[in-house]
């Protein structure tokens, strides 16, 4: 830097010094004002605290007054509301299938998926412990693994579920379902599956109108909340497990036959891929569940039509 540049910089500094000093003075003034405000706050702090407490007390009294007013208005309706709540609780309890425990949450969407899409019964059989495991399992393969592992317990559950007297309309076929369960318990899985499938087919032909395609459509649970809970859990959901059971298949089809439980494959394409322990377990579950569902509806309404 030469002498001229140095002189120029000093001149700029001198010209700017008053502004800088003014800013410094302003900052000092602001600091004094802030300090004064803080001192004032410290002096007023007790009064502020007292005001806040008084305000809180006033609000509390007002809210208490409002609460008492609302309670006074609602008091006459509380017995009625309590009675309605008790009635609703009783309706839910009545609608629960007898194999369920209180720990089973009524998740209709998940139950619809397991029954209607996977064909796995959850109603009337199996026991609550297994139902909970099936509901909590991550997907169809996991549920089939549970069924495979618990097949003996499931067989016992089906046996127990068929011991009560049945409505005369289903009593004869209920005996055949019991024979299928007994064959299953003796280890004759193929025989058990064949007999259970025949009985399920007979139930459907007797109580669901139309050909198999129409049966599948009418058994599907629609996305509606109109159905009362009792018919939904005691009849429609159990019967919906027959939708995949009725999956279309014909021996002339060029594709591979379904390996999951299917009425048409069991009857027209019998093989060890179709008739096996897991499918036999689901078959006796479905036959038992349908038997109990039909019996429950017949005992309650005297008919399966128009529900």
C-alpha atoms as a PDB file:
ATOM      1  CA  UNK A   1       0.000   0.000   0.000  1.00  0.00           C
ATOM      2  CA  UNK A   2       1.516   3.434  -0.989  1.00  0.00           C
ATOM      3  CA  UNK A   3       1.277   6.720   0.891  1.00  0.00           C
ATOM      4  CA  UNK A   4      -1.732   7.930  -1.072  1.00  0.00           C
ATOM      5  CA  UNK A   5      -3.719   4.825  -0.285  1.00  0.00           C
ATOM      6  CA  UNK A   6      -2.822   5.078   3.382  1.00  0.00           C
ATOM      7  CA  UNK A   7      -3.923   8.719   3.513  1.00  0.00           C
ATOM      8  CA  UNK A   8      -7.185   7.837   1.767  1.00  0.00           C
ATOM      9  CA  UNK A   9      -7.945   5.035   4.283  1.00  0.00           C
ATOM     10  CA  UNK A  10      -7.232   7.325   7.245  1.00  0.00           C
ATOM     11  CA  UNK A  11      -9.550   9.919   5.803  1.00  0.00           C
ATOM     12  CA  UNK A  12     -12.383   7.381   5.433  1.00  0.00           C
ATOM     13  CA  UNK A  13     -11.823   6.224   8.990  1.00  0.00           C
ATOM     14  CA  UNK A  14     -12.051   9.791  10.326  1.00  0.00           C
ATOM     15  CA  UNK A  15     -15.224  10.434   8.356  1.00  0.00           C
ATOM     16  CA  UNK A  16     -16.834   7.215   9.601  1.00  0.00           C
ATOM     17  CA  UNK A  17     -15.774   7.581  13.221  1.00  0.00           C
ATOM     18  CA  UNK A  18     -18.752   9.787  14.273  1.00  0.00           C
ATOM     19  CA  UNK A  19     -21.219   7.176  12.964  1.00  0.00           C
ATOM     20  CA  UNK A  20     -19.367   4.409  14.762  1.00  0.00           C
ATOM     21  CA  UNK A  21     -19.359   6.367  17.995  1.00  0.00           C
ATOM     22  CA  UNK A  22     -23.055   7.081  17.542  1.00  0.00           C
ATOM     23  CA  UNK A  23     -23.796   3.375  17.136  1.00  0.00           C
ATOM     24  CA  UNK A  24     -21.729   2.553  20.227  1.00  0.00           C
ATOM     25  CA  UNK A  25     -23.618   5.164  22.218  1.00  0.00           C
ATOM     26  CA  UNK A  26     -26.963   3.834  20.977  1.00  0.00           C
ATOM     27  CA  UNK A  27     -25.965   0.307  21.958  1.00  0.00           C
ATOM     28  CA  UNK A  28     -25.005   1.541  25.434  1.00  0.00           C
ATOM     29  CA  UNK A  29     -28.376   3.291  25.688  1.00  0.00           C
ATOM     30  CA  UNK A  30     -30.196   0.094  24.641  1.00  0.00           C
ATOM     31  CA  UNK A  31     -28.235  -1.869  27.231  1.00  0.00           C
ATOM     32  CA  UNK A  32     -29.255   0.633  29.888  1.00  0.00           C
ATOM     33  CA  UNK A  33     -32.909   0.356  28.835  1.00  0.00           C
ATOM     34  CA  UNK A  34     -32.739  -3.438  28.910  1.00  0.00           C
ATOM     35  CA  UNK A  35     -31.121  -3.372  32.321  1.00  0.00           C
ATOM     36  CA  UNK A  36     -33.782  -0.943  33.547  1.00  0.00           C
ATOM     37  CA  UNK A  37     -36.536  -3.228  32.187  1.00  0.00           C
ATOM     38  CA  UNK A  38     -35.019  -6.246  33.916  1.00  0.00           C
ATOM     39  CA  UNK A  39     -34.846  -4.329  37.189  1.00  0.00           C
ATOM     40  CA  UNK A  40     -38.482  -3.313  36.788  1.00  0.00           C
ATOM     41  CA  UNK A  41     -39.446  -6.947  36.059  1.00  0.00           C
ATOM     42  CA  UNK A  42     -37.662  -8.102  39.203  1.00  0.00           C
ATOM     43  CA  UNK A  43     -39.574  -5.535  41.225  1.00  0.00           C
ATOM     44  CA  UNK A  44     -42.915  -6.461  39.610  1.00  0.00           C
ATOM     45  CA  UNK A  45     -42.303 -10.248  39.603  1.00  0.00           C
ATOM     46  CA  UNK A  46     -44.173 -10.903  42.882  1.00  0.00           C
ATOM     47  CA  UNK A  47     -47.200  -8.927  41.655  1.00  0.00           C
ATOM     48  CA  UNK A  48     -47.116 -10.789  38.324  1.00  0.00           C
ATOM     49  CA  UNK A  49     -46.978 -14.145  40.095  1.00  0.00           C
ATOM     50  CA  UNK A  50     -49.863 -13.131  42.338  1.00  0.00           C
ATOM     51  CA  UNK A  51     -51.918 -12.016  39.336  1.00  0.00           C
ATOM     52  CA  UNK A  52     -51.294 -15.310  37.514  1.00  0.00           C
ATOM     53  CA  UNK A  53     -52.350 -17.335  40.555  1.00  0.00           C
ATOM     54  CA  UNK A  54     -55.487 -15.253  40.973  1.00  0.00           C
ATOM     55  CA  UNK A  55     -56.269 -15.710  37.280  1.00  0.00           C
ATOM     56  CA  UNK A  56     -55.765 -19.469  37.559  1.00  0.00           C
ATOM     57  CA  UNK A  57     -58.094 -19.578  40.563  1.00  0.00           C
ATOM     58  CA  UNK A  58     -60.740 -17.643  38.672  1.00  0.00           C
ATOM     59  CA  UNK A  59     -60.456 -20.003  35.673  1.00  0.00           C
ATOM     60  CA  UNK A  60     -60.612 -23.057  37.931  1.00  0.00           C
ATOM     61  CA  UNK A  61     -63.786 -21.763  39.550  1.00  0.00           C
ATOM     62  CA  UNK A  62     -65.300 -21.022  36.160  1.00  0.00           C
ATOM     63  CA  UNK A  63     -64.452 -24.495  34.832  1.00  0.00           C
ATOM     64  CA  UNK A  64     -65.837 -26.100  37.961  1.00  0.00           C
ATOM     65  CA  UNK A  65     -69.034 -24.104  37.518  1.00  0.00           C
ATOM     66  CA  UNK A  66     -69.247 -25.217  33.884  1.00  0.00           C
ATOM     67  CA  UNK A  67     -68.628 -28.849  34.877  1.00  0.00           C
ATOM     68  CA  UNK A  68     -71.351 -28.700  37.511  1.00  0.00           C
ATOM     69  CA  UNK A  69     -73.759 -27.134  35.019  1.00  0.00           C
ATOM     70  CA  UNK A  70     -73.072 -29.839  32.417  1.00  0.00           C
ATOM     71  CA  UNK A  71     -73.405 -32.566  35.036  1.00  0.00           C
ATOM     72  CA  UNK A  72     -76.723 -31.123  36.153  1.00  0.00           C
ATOM     73  CA  UNK A  73     -78.005 -31.131  32.564  1.00  0.00           C
ATOM     74  CA  UNK A  74     -76.743 -34.663  31.777  1.00  0.00           C
ATOM     75  CA  UNK A  75     -77.592 -36.264  35.113  1.00  0.00           C
ATOM     76  CA  UNK A  76     -81.108 -37.345  34.055  1.00  0.00           C
ATOM     77  CA  UNK A  77     -79.712 -39.049  30.938  1.00  0.00           C
ATOM     78  CA  UNK A  78     -76.864 -40.928  32.638  1.00  0.00           C
ATOM     79  CA  UNK A  79     -78.973 -43.944  33.718  1.00  0.00           C
ATOM     80  CA  UNK A  80     -80.211 -44.273  30.142  1.00  0.00           C
ATOM     81  CA  UNK A  81     -76.728 -43.970  28.699  1.00  0.00           C
ATOM     82  CA  UNK A  82     -75.460 -46.541  31.179  1.00  0.00           C
ATOM     83  CA  UNK A  83     -78.240 -48.912  30.190  1.00  0.00           C
ATOM     84  CA  UNK A  84     -77.446 -48.427  26.494  1.00  0.00           C
ATOM     85  CA  UNK A  85     -73.756 -49.128  27.168  1.00  0.00           C
ATOM     86  CA  UNK A  86     -74.685 -52.269  29.102  1.00  0.00           C
ATOM     87  CA  UNK A  87     -76.954 -53.414  26.268  1.00  0.00           C
ATOM     88  CA  UNK A  88     -74.225 -52.788  23.687  1.00  0.00           C
ATOM     89  CA  UNK A  89     -71.720 -54.724  25.779  1.00  0.00           C
ATOM     90  CA  UNK A  90     -74.187 -57.600  26.126  1.00  0.00           C
ATOM     91  CA  UNK A  91     -74.784 -57.628  22.354  1.00  0.00           C
ATOM     92  CA  UNK A  92     -71.055 -57.838  21.641  1.00  0.00           C
ATOM     93  CA  UNK A  93     -70.652 -60.617  24.192  1.00  0.00           C
ATOM     94  CA  UNK A  94     -73.598 -62.503  22.684  1.00  0.00           C
ATOM     95  CA  UNK A  95     -72.168 -62.146  19.183  1.00  0.00           C
ATOM     96  CA  UNK A  96     -68.762 -63.560  20.094  1.00  0.00           C
ATOM     97  CA  UNK A  97     -68.385 -67.170  18.948  1.00  0.00           C
ATOM     98  CA  UNK A  98     -68.007 -69.580  21.878  1.00  0.00           C
ATOM     99  CA  UNK A  99     -64.372 -70.361  21.033  1.00  0.00           C
ATOM    100  CA  UNK A 100     -63.271 -66.749  21.525  1.00  0.00           C
ATOM    101  CA  UNK A 101     -61.817 -65.218  24.671  1.00  0.00           C
ATOM    102  CA  UNK A 102     -62.092 -61.587  25.751  1.00  0.00           C
ATOM    103  CA  UNK A 103     -58.502 -61.029  24.563  1.00  0.00           C
ATOM    104  CA  UNK A 104     -59.598 -61.451  20.930  1.00  0.00           C
ATOM    105  CA  UNK A 105     -60.163 -58.017  19.425  1.00  0.00           C
ATOM    106  CA  UNK A 106     -62.921 -57.866  16.836  1.00  0.00           C
ATOM    107  CA  UNK A 107     -60.866 -56.692  13.861  1.00  0.00           C
ATOM    108  CA  UNK A 108     -63.410 -57.255  11.090  1.00  0.00           C
ATOM    109  CA  UNK A 109     -61.078 -56.312   8.234  1.00  0.00           C
ATOM    110  CA  UNK A 110     -58.379 -58.775   9.297  1.00  0.00           C
ATOM    111  CA  UNK A 111     -60.936 -61.496  10.031  1.00  0.00           C
ATOM    112  CA  UNK A 112     -62.527 -60.942   6.630  1.00  0.00           C
ATOM    113  CA  UNK A 113     -59.128 -61.297   4.968  1.00  0.00           C
ATOM    114  CA  UNK A 114     -58.248 -64.498   6.802  1.00  0.00           C
ATOM    115  CA  UNK A 115     -61.661 -66.079   6.232  1.00  0.00           C
ATOM    116  CA  UNK A 116     -62.640 -64.882   2.775  1.00  0.00           C
ATOM    117  CA  UNK A 117     -59.220 -64.618   1.099  1.00  0.00           C
ATOM    118  CA  UNK A 118     -57.347 -67.448   2.817  1.00  0.00           C
ATOM    119  CA  UNK A 119     -60.196 -69.816   3.735  1.00  0.00           C
ATOM    120  CA  UNK A 120     -59.012 -70.254   7.321  1.00  0.00           C
ATOM    121  CA  UNK A 121     -61.877 -70.553   9.839  1.00  0.00           C
ATOM    122  CA  UNK A 122     -61.669 -68.553  13.080  1.00  0.00           C
ATOM    123  CA  UNK A 123     -65.258 -69.025  14.250  1.00  0.00           C
ATOM    124  CA  UNK A 124     -66.447 -71.846  16.564  1.00  0.00           C
ATOM    125  CA  UNK A 125     -63.039 -73.474  16.092  1.00  0.00           C
ATOM    126  CA  UNK A 126     -60.156 -73.535  16.920  1.00  0.00           C
ATOM    127  CA  UNK A 127     -59.534 -72.625  20.579  1.00  0.00           C
ATOM    128  CA  UNK A 128     -58.943 -68.977  21.519  1.00  0.00           C
ATOM    129  CA  UNK A 129     -55.193 -69.423  21.958  1.00  0.00           C
ATOM    130  CA  UNK A 130     -54.815 -70.619  18.359  1.00  0.00           C
ATOM    131  CA  UNK A 131     -57.195 -67.947  17.045  1.00  0.00           C
ATOM    132  CA  UNK A 132     -54.997 -65.296  18.653  1.00  0.00           C
ATOM    133  CA  UNK A 133     -51.891 -66.821  17.066  1.00  0.00           C
ATOM    134  CA  UNK A 134     -53.566 -66.882  13.651  1.00  0.00           C
ATOM    135  CA  UNK A 135     -54.663 -63.253  13.968  1.00  0.00           C
ATOM    136  CA  UNK A 136     -51.197 -62.130  15.012  1.00  0.00           C
ATOM    137  CA  UNK A 137     -49.352 -64.165  12.360  1.00  0.00           C
ATOM    138  CA  UNK A 138     -47.695 -62.289   9.510  1.00  0.00           C
ATOM    139  CA  UNK A 139     -49.452 -63.566   6.399  1.00  0.00           C
ATOM    140  CA  UNK A 140     -51.035 -66.731   5.054  1.00  0.00           C
ATOM    141  CA  UNK A 141     -47.875 -68.853   5.020  1.00  0.00           C
ATOM    142  CA  UNK A 142     -47.279 -68.117   8.704  1.00  0.00           C
ATOM    143  CA  UNK A 143     -50.872 -69.078   9.493  1.00  0.00           C
ATOM    144  CA  UNK A 144     -50.567 -72.342   7.580  1.00  0.00           C
ATOM    145  CA  UNK A 145     -47.413 -73.098   9.557  1.00  0.00           C
ATOM    146  CA  UNK A 146     -49.375 -72.622  12.797  1.00  0.00           C
ATOM    147  CA  UNK A 147     -52.150 -74.914  11.554  1.00  0.00           C
ATOM    148  CA  UNK A 148     -49.594 -77.552  10.606  1.00  0.00           C
ATOM    149  CA  UNK A 149     -47.958 -77.359  14.041  1.00  0.00           C
ATOM    150  CA  UNK A 150     -51.230 -77.370  16.011  1.00  0.00           C
ATOM    151  CA  UNK A 151     -53.182 -79.897  13.928  1.00  0.00           C
ATOM    152  CA  UNK A 152     -53.724 -82.300  16.850  1.00  0.00           C
ATOM    153  CA  UNK A 153     -55.153 -79.546  19.084  1.00  0.00           C
ATOM    154  CA  UNK A 154     -57.339 -78.338  16.235  1.00  0.00           C
ATOM    155  CA  UNK A 155     -58.679 -81.855  15.722  1.00  0.00           C
ATOM    156  CA  UNK A 156     -59.558 -82.031  19.415  1.00  0.00           C
ATOM    157  CA  UNK A 157     -61.257 -78.610  19.201  1.00  0.00           C
ATOM    158  CA  UNK A 158     -63.391 -79.760  16.257  1.00  0.00           C
ATOM    159  CA  UNK A 159     -64.347 -82.898  18.173  1.00  0.00           C
ATOM    160  CA  UNK A 160     -65.411 -80.864  21.218  1.00  0.00           C
ATOM    161  CA  UNK A 161     -67.365 -78.364  19.088  1.00  0.00           C
ATOM    162  CA  UNK A 162     -69.523 -81.133  17.627  1.00  0.00           C
ATOM    163  CA  UNK A 163     -70.585 -82.766  20.897  1.00  0.00           C
ATOM    164  CA  UNK A 164     -73.585 -80.486  21.579  1.00  0.00           C
ATOM    165  CA  UNK A 165     -77.016 -81.451  20.195  1.00  0.00           C
ATOM    166  CA  UNK A 166     -77.626 -79.893  16.766  1.00  0.00           C
ATOM    167  CA  UNK A 167     -80.698 -78.556  15.020  1.00  0.00           C
ATOM    168  CA  UNK A 168     -82.528 -81.326  13.185  1.00  0.00           C
ATOM    169  CA  UNK A 169     -81.722 -79.749   9.810  1.00  0.00           C
ATOM    170  CA  UNK A 170     -77.980 -80.291  10.293  1.00  0.00           C
ATOM    171  CA  UNK A 171     -77.915 -83.104  12.864  1.00  0.00           C
ATOM    172  CA  UNK A 172     -77.370 -85.928  10.339  1.00  0.00           C
ATOM    173  CA  UNK A 173     -74.545 -84.181   8.501  1.00  0.00           C
ATOM    174  CA  UNK A 174     -73.016 -83.145  11.819  1.00  0.00           C
ATOM    175  CA  UNK A 175     -72.556 -86.861  12.502  1.00  0.00           C
ATOM    176  CA  UNK A 176     -70.656 -87.195   9.230  1.00  0.00           C
ATOM    177  CA  UNK A 177     -68.437 -84.260  10.180  1.00  0.00           C
ATOM    178  CA  UNK A 178     -67.732 -86.030  13.467  1.00  0.00           C
ATOM    179  CA  UNK A 179     -66.746 -89.140  11.505  1.00  0.00           C
ATOM    180  CA  UNK A 180     -64.350 -87.014   9.457  1.00  0.00           C
ATOM    181  CA  UNK A 181     -62.853 -85.587  12.646  1.00  0.00           C
ATOM    182  CA  UNK A 182     -62.446 -89.065  14.134  1.00  0.00           C
ATOM    183  CA  UNK A 183     -60.694 -90.244  10.963  1.00  0.00           C
ATOM    184  CA  UNK A 184     -58.438 -87.204  11.229  1.00  0.00           C
ATOM    185  CA  UNK A 185     -57.610 -87.959  14.853  1.00  0.00           C
ATOM    186  CA  UNK A 186     -56.720 -91.508  13.809  1.00  0.00           C
ATOM    187  CA  UNK A 187     -54.252 -90.139  11.259  1.00  0.00           C
ATOM    188  CA  UNK A 188     -56.354 -90.809   8.156  1.00  0.00           C
ATOM    189  CA  UNK A 189     -55.962 -87.295   6.801  1.00  0.00           C
ATOM    190  CA  UNK A 190     -56.933 -88.024   3.194  1.00  0.00           C
ATOM    191  CA  UNK A 191     -60.131 -89.781   4.242  1.00  0.00           C
ATOM    192  CA  UNK A 192     -60.964 -87.002   6.678  1.00  0.00           C
ATOM    193  CA  UNK A 193     -60.486 -84.334   4.020  1.00  0.00           C
ATOM    194  CA  UNK A 194     -62.570 -86.177   1.419  1.00  0.00           C
ATOM    195  CA  UNK A 195     -65.504 -86.670   3.808  1.00  0.00           C
ATOM    196  CA  UNK A 196     -65.342 -83.134   5.197  1.00  0.00           C
ATOM    197  CA  UNK A 197     -65.300 -81.669   1.679  1.00  0.00           C
ATOM    198  CA  UNK A 198     -68.342 -83.718   0.668  1.00  0.00           C
ATOM    199  CA  UNK A 199     -70.289 -82.521   3.712  1.00  0.00           C
ATOM    200  CA  UNK A 200     -69.292 -78.875   3.110  1.00  0.00           C
ATOM    201  CA  UNK A 201     -70.444 -79.216  -0.490  1.00  0.00           C
ATOM    202  CA  UNK A 202     -73.765 -80.644   0.709  1.00  0.00           C
ATOM    203  CA  UNK A 203     -74.244 -77.774   3.146  1.00  0.00           C
ATOM    204  CA  UNK A 204     -73.615 -75.243   0.394  1.00  0.00           C
ATOM    205  CA  UNK A 205     -75.961 -76.936  -2.056  1.00  0.00           C
ATOM    206  CA  UNK A 206     -78.693 -77.016   0.604  1.00  0.00           C
ATOM    207  CA  UNK A 207     -78.375 -73.499   2.000  1.00  0.00           C
ATOM    208  CA  UNK A 208     -76.741 -71.294  -0.662  1.00  0.00           C
ATOM    209  CA  UNK A 209     -78.596 -70.831  -3.954  1.00  0.00           C
ATOM    210  CA  UNK A 210     -77.014 -70.837  -7.398  1.00  0.00           C
ATOM    211  CA  UNK A 211     -74.147 -72.577  -9.067  1.00  0.00           C
ATOM    212  CA  UNK A 212     -70.644 -72.482  -7.581  1.00  0.00           C
ATOM    213  CA  UNK A 213     -69.735 -69.109  -9.112  1.00  0.00           C
ATOM    214  CA  UNK A 214     -72.906 -67.549  -7.699  1.00  0.00           C
ATOM    215  CA  UNK A 215     -72.226 -69.234  -4.355  1.00  0.00           C
ATOM    216  CA  UNK A 216     -68.781 -67.635  -4.178  1.00  0.00           C
ATOM    217  CA  UNK A 217     -70.240 -64.223  -4.916  1.00  0.00           C
ATOM    218  CA  UNK A 218     -73.067 -64.513  -2.386  1.00  0.00           C
ATOM    219  CA  UNK A 219     -70.782 -65.852   0.363  1.00  0.00           C
ATOM    220  CA  UNK A 220     -68.309 -62.967   0.010  1.00  0.00           C
ATOM    221  CA  UNK A 221     -68.573 -60.344   2.760  1.00  0.00           C
ATOM    222  CA  UNK A 222     -69.416 -57.014   1.182  1.00  0.00           C
ATOM    223  CA  UNK A 223     -67.705 -53.831   2.402  1.00  0.00           C
ATOM    224  CA  UNK A 224     -70.744 -52.783   4.386  1.00  0.00           C
ATOM    225  CA  UNK A 225     -71.473 -52.006   8.019  1.00  0.00           C
ATOM    226  CA  UNK A 226     -75.173 -52.751   7.722  1.00  0.00           C
ATOM    227  CA  UNK A 227     -75.071 -56.327   8.986  1.00  0.00           C
ATOM    228  CA  UNK A 228     -75.812 -56.785  12.687  1.00  0.00           C
ATOM    229  CA  UNK A 229     -72.884 -58.111  14.672  1.00  0.00           C
ATOM    230  CA  UNK A 230     -74.452 -61.437  15.682  1.00  0.00           C
ATOM    231  CA  UNK A 231     -75.255 -62.655  12.143  1.00  0.00           C
ATOM    232  CA  UNK A 232     -71.918 -61.304  10.916  1.00  0.00           C
ATOM    233  CA  UNK A 233     -69.758 -63.175  13.436  1.00  0.00           C
ATOM    234  CA  UNK A 234     -71.959 -66.208  13.893  1.00  0.00           C
ATOM    235  CA  UNK A 235     -72.995 -66.884  10.298  1.00  0.00           C
ATOM    236  CA  UNK A 236     -71.669 -64.675   7.485  1.00  0.00           C
ATOM    237  CA  UNK A 237     -67.998 -64.723   8.483  1.00  0.00           C
ATOM    238  CA  UNK A 238     -67.893 -68.489   9.136  1.00  0.00           C
ATOM    239  CA  UNK A 239     -69.580 -69.164   5.799  1.00  0.00           C
ATOM    240  CA  UNK A 240     -67.223 -66.748   3.993  1.00  0.00           C
ATOM    241  CA  UNK A 241     -64.368 -69.181   4.615  1.00  0.00           C
ATOM    242  CA  UNK A 242     -65.947 -71.295   1.864  1.00  0.00           C
ATOM    243  CA  UNK A 243     -65.133 -68.671  -0.792  1.00  0.00           C
ATOM    244  CA  UNK A 244     -61.574 -69.939  -1.516  1.00  0.00           C
ATOM    245  CA  UNK A 245     -62.851 -73.485  -0.925  1.00  0.00           C
ATOM    246  CA  UNK A 246     -64.992 -72.938  -4.047  1.00  0.00           C
ATOM    247  CA  UNK A 247     -62.120 -71.574  -6.155  1.00  0.00           C
ATOM    248  CA  UNK A 248     -62.728 -72.359  -9.833  1.00  0.00           C
ATOM    249  CA  UNK A 249     -60.743 -75.235 -11.279  1.00  0.00           C
ATOM    250  CA  UNK A 250     -61.444 -77.748 -14.015  1.00  0.00           C
ATOM    251  CA  UNK A 251     -59.452 -80.876 -14.941  1.00  0.00           C
ATOM    252  CA  UNK A 252     -59.153 -79.470 -18.462  1.00  0.00           C
ATOM    253  CA  UNK A 253     -57.345 -76.366 -17.178  1.00  0.00           C
ATOM    254  CA  UNK A 254     -53.780 -76.232 -18.451  1.00  0.00           C
ATOM    255  CA  UNK A 255     -52.453 -74.418 -15.387  1.00  0.00           C
ATOM    256  CA  UNK A 256     -51.404 -76.015 -12.129  1.00  0.00           C
ATOM    257  CA  UNK A 257     -54.211 -76.971  -9.777  1.00  0.00           C
ATOM    258  CA  UNK A 258     -54.458 -75.050  -6.494  1.00  0.00           C
ATOM    259  CA  UNK A 259     -52.605 -76.768  -3.678  1.00  0.00           C
ATOM    260  CA  UNK A 260     -54.620 -75.060  -0.923  1.00  0.00           C
ATOM    261  CA  UNK A 261     -57.923 -76.632   0.091  1.00  0.00           C
ATOM    262  CA  UNK A 262     -60.317 -76.526  -2.871  1.00  0.00           C
ATOM    263  CA  UNK A 263     -63.548 -78.396  -3.414  1.00  0.00           C
ATOM    264  CA  UNK A 264     -63.087 -78.923  -7.162  1.00  0.00           C
ATOM    265  CA  UNK A 265     -59.507 -80.163  -6.882  1.00  0.00           C
ATOM    266  CA  UNK A 266     -60.307 -82.567  -4.044  1.00  0.00           C
ATOM    267  CA  UNK A 267     -63.205 -84.083  -5.998  1.00  0.00           C
ATOM    268  CA  UNK A 268     -61.946 -83.919  -9.594  1.00  0.00           C
ATOM    269  CA  UNK A 269     -58.171 -83.799  -9.253  1.00  0.00           C
ATOM    270  CA  UNK A 270     -57.348 -85.897  -6.196  1.00  0.00           C
ATOM    271  CA  UNK A 271     -53.626 -86.004  -5.520  1.00  0.00           C
ATOM    272  CA  UNK A 272     -51.225 -85.992  -2.601  1.00  0.00           C
ATOM    273  CA  UNK A 273     -50.617 -82.300  -3.328  1.00  0.00           C
ATOM    274  CA  UNK A 274     -54.256 -81.596  -2.517  1.00  0.00           C
ATOM    275  CA  UNK A 275     -55.140 -84.289   0.025  1.00  0.00           C
ATOM    276  CA  UNK A 276     -52.676 -83.789   2.875  1.00  0.00           C
ATOM    277  CA  UNK A 277     -52.514 -83.044   6.578  1.00  0.00           C
ATOM    278  CA  UNK A 278     -52.748 -79.240   6.378  1.00  0.00           C
ATOM    279  CA  UNK A 279     -55.644 -79.238   3.902  1.00  0.00           C
ATOM    280  CA  UNK A 280     -57.361 -81.960   5.918  1.00  0.00           C
ATOM    281  CA  UNK A 281     -57.029 -79.793   9.047  1.00  0.00           C
ATOM    282  CA  UNK A 282     -58.615 -76.820   7.287  1.00  0.00           C
ATOM    283  CA  UNK A 283     -61.312 -79.085   5.825  1.00  0.00           C
ATOM    284  CA  UNK A 284     -62.476 -80.373   9.217  1.00  0.00           C
ATOM    285  CA  UNK A 285     -62.238 -76.828  10.603  1.00  0.00           C
ATOM    286  CA  UNK A 286     -64.446 -75.549   7.781  1.00  0.00           C
ATOM    287  CA  UNK A 287     -66.950 -78.391   8.092  1.00  0.00           C
ATOM    288  CA  UNK A 288     -67.158 -77.932  11.867  1.00  0.00           C
ATOM    289  CA  UNK A 289     -67.455 -74.143  11.604  1.00  0.00           C
ATOM    290  CA  UNK A 290     -70.189 -74.388   8.964  1.00  0.00           C
ATOM    291  CA  UNK A 291     -72.061 -76.978  11.037  1.00  0.00           C
ATOM    292  CA  UNK A 292     -72.034 -74.769  14.120  1.00  0.00           C
ATOM    293  CA  UNK A 293     -72.870 -71.615  12.123  1.00  0.00           C
ATOM    294  CA  UNK A 294     -75.864 -73.234  10.450  1.00  0.00           C
ATOM    295  CA  UNK A 295     -77.004 -74.725  13.750  1.00  0.00           C
ATOM    296  CA  UNK A 296     -76.733 -71.338  15.501  1.00  0.00           C
ATOM    297  CA  UNK A 297     -78.789 -69.558  12.856  1.00  0.00           C
ATOM    298  CA  UNK A 298     -81.397 -72.307  12.708  1.00  0.00           C
ATOM    299  CA  UNK A 299     -81.709 -72.386  16.497  1.00  0.00           C
ATOM    300  CA  UNK A 300     -82.074 -68.584  16.625  1.00  0.00           C
ATOM    301  CA  UNK A 301     -84.157 -67.808  13.541  1.00  0.00           C
ATOM    302  CA  UNK A 302     -85.475 -71.165  12.361  1.00  0.00           C
ATOM    303  CA  UNK A 303     -84.138 -70.533   8.858  1.00  0.00           C
ATOM    304  CA  UNK A 304     -80.974 -69.589   6.989  1.00  0.00           C
ATOM    305  CA  UNK A 305     -82.826 -67.491   4.410  1.00  0.00           C
ATOM    306  CA  UNK A 306     -83.220 -63.748   4.508  1.00  0.00           C
ATOM    307  CA  UNK A 307     -80.603 -62.994   7.154  1.00  0.00           C
END
